[in-house]
Amino acid sequence: MHKERQQHIAEKAAHHKNISSWLLTLPSLIWLSIFFLIPYFIVVLYSFLTPGTLDVKFEVSLDSYRQIFDGVYYKPFLNSFLLAIYTTIICVLLGYPVAYFIARAREKVRNTLLIFIIIPFWTNLIIRIFSWRIFLAYNGVMNNLLTNMGLISQPLEIIRTDWAVILVTVYVYLPYMILPLYSTLEKLDFTLLQAAMDLGANEVKAFFSITLPLSLEGIFAGTLLVFIPSLGSYLIPQLVGNQKSLYIGQVITYKIKNIPRNWPMASALSLILLLLVAVLLLIMYYLFKRHQRSKRRRYE
């Protein structure tokens, strides 16, 4: 009887906790429903309509999807994916040593370095991109400096190239890689490295055997924060790129603002991009969870 009463009390407490959790998450659910689900429902609806000159005609049509799968827009998708992949790889290669150094630094030095990482967020993104335009211009700061130093005979044409787009995109999203990596590395027990070296491992082997596997969560989080926004990037390719290499973010924007407007095509492109990102996220999440399960089995 006493056991049944305790079980009843536990079930009642769990029920109240469940209700409390739902009440706490209700404002967020309402917010997401209004400002996320409803707009996406409108995008889905528009993708099946017929384009007009300034608006849409409420006539069901699959022309937008037909044009996409005919191969007309493969190149912008490819350009965007290559930009996102290059940006993510470079951010990992640059961000990991920085995050590792900050995590191992003394507290005062660590706080100062973190402030330097965060400082770019204090300035508007457009201003930062325009600063790069001035710096990389044909007669800009970098070319003038290199010419005066005698390192080059004529100015380099960097601005309005794909290299400029990659460079500025890496600059913009590098902090999004460093901060999650630092958050993971800062929690690591670095005495494990000393123990590994005491057991005969050198620094390189200790890093690849201990530090890197234990920091995969930070790499995964940083990859998501860098890959997804750089995939749909519009401002950076528009301000420092060229019109020969169009990215999917630019194509979507042109379809929305240029006359004749083609909102169904912009909606269809947005949905295809969303589905591709969702599939990639599921694959990455599956591989990450699989790695965690294998690691758990290894230590059991």
Foldseek 3Di string as FASTA:
>chain_A
DVVVVVVVVVVVVVVVVVVVVCVVCVVVVVVCVVPPVVVLVVLVLLLQFAFDFQGTDRDGHNVLVVVVVVPPCPQQLVLLQVLLVLLLVVLCVVQQVVLLCLLPDDPVVNVVVVCVLCVVVVDDPLVLLVVLCQCQPQPHDVQVVCVVVVVDVGGDNDFQASNQLSVSLSVVLSSLLNVLLNVQNNPDDCVQLVVVVVVPDDNVCSCVVPVVVSSVVSSLRSSVSSNVCSSLDDSSCVRGHHPVRHHLNPVLVCLPPPGSHRSSNSSVSVVVSVVVVVVVNVVSVVVVVVSVVVVVVVVD
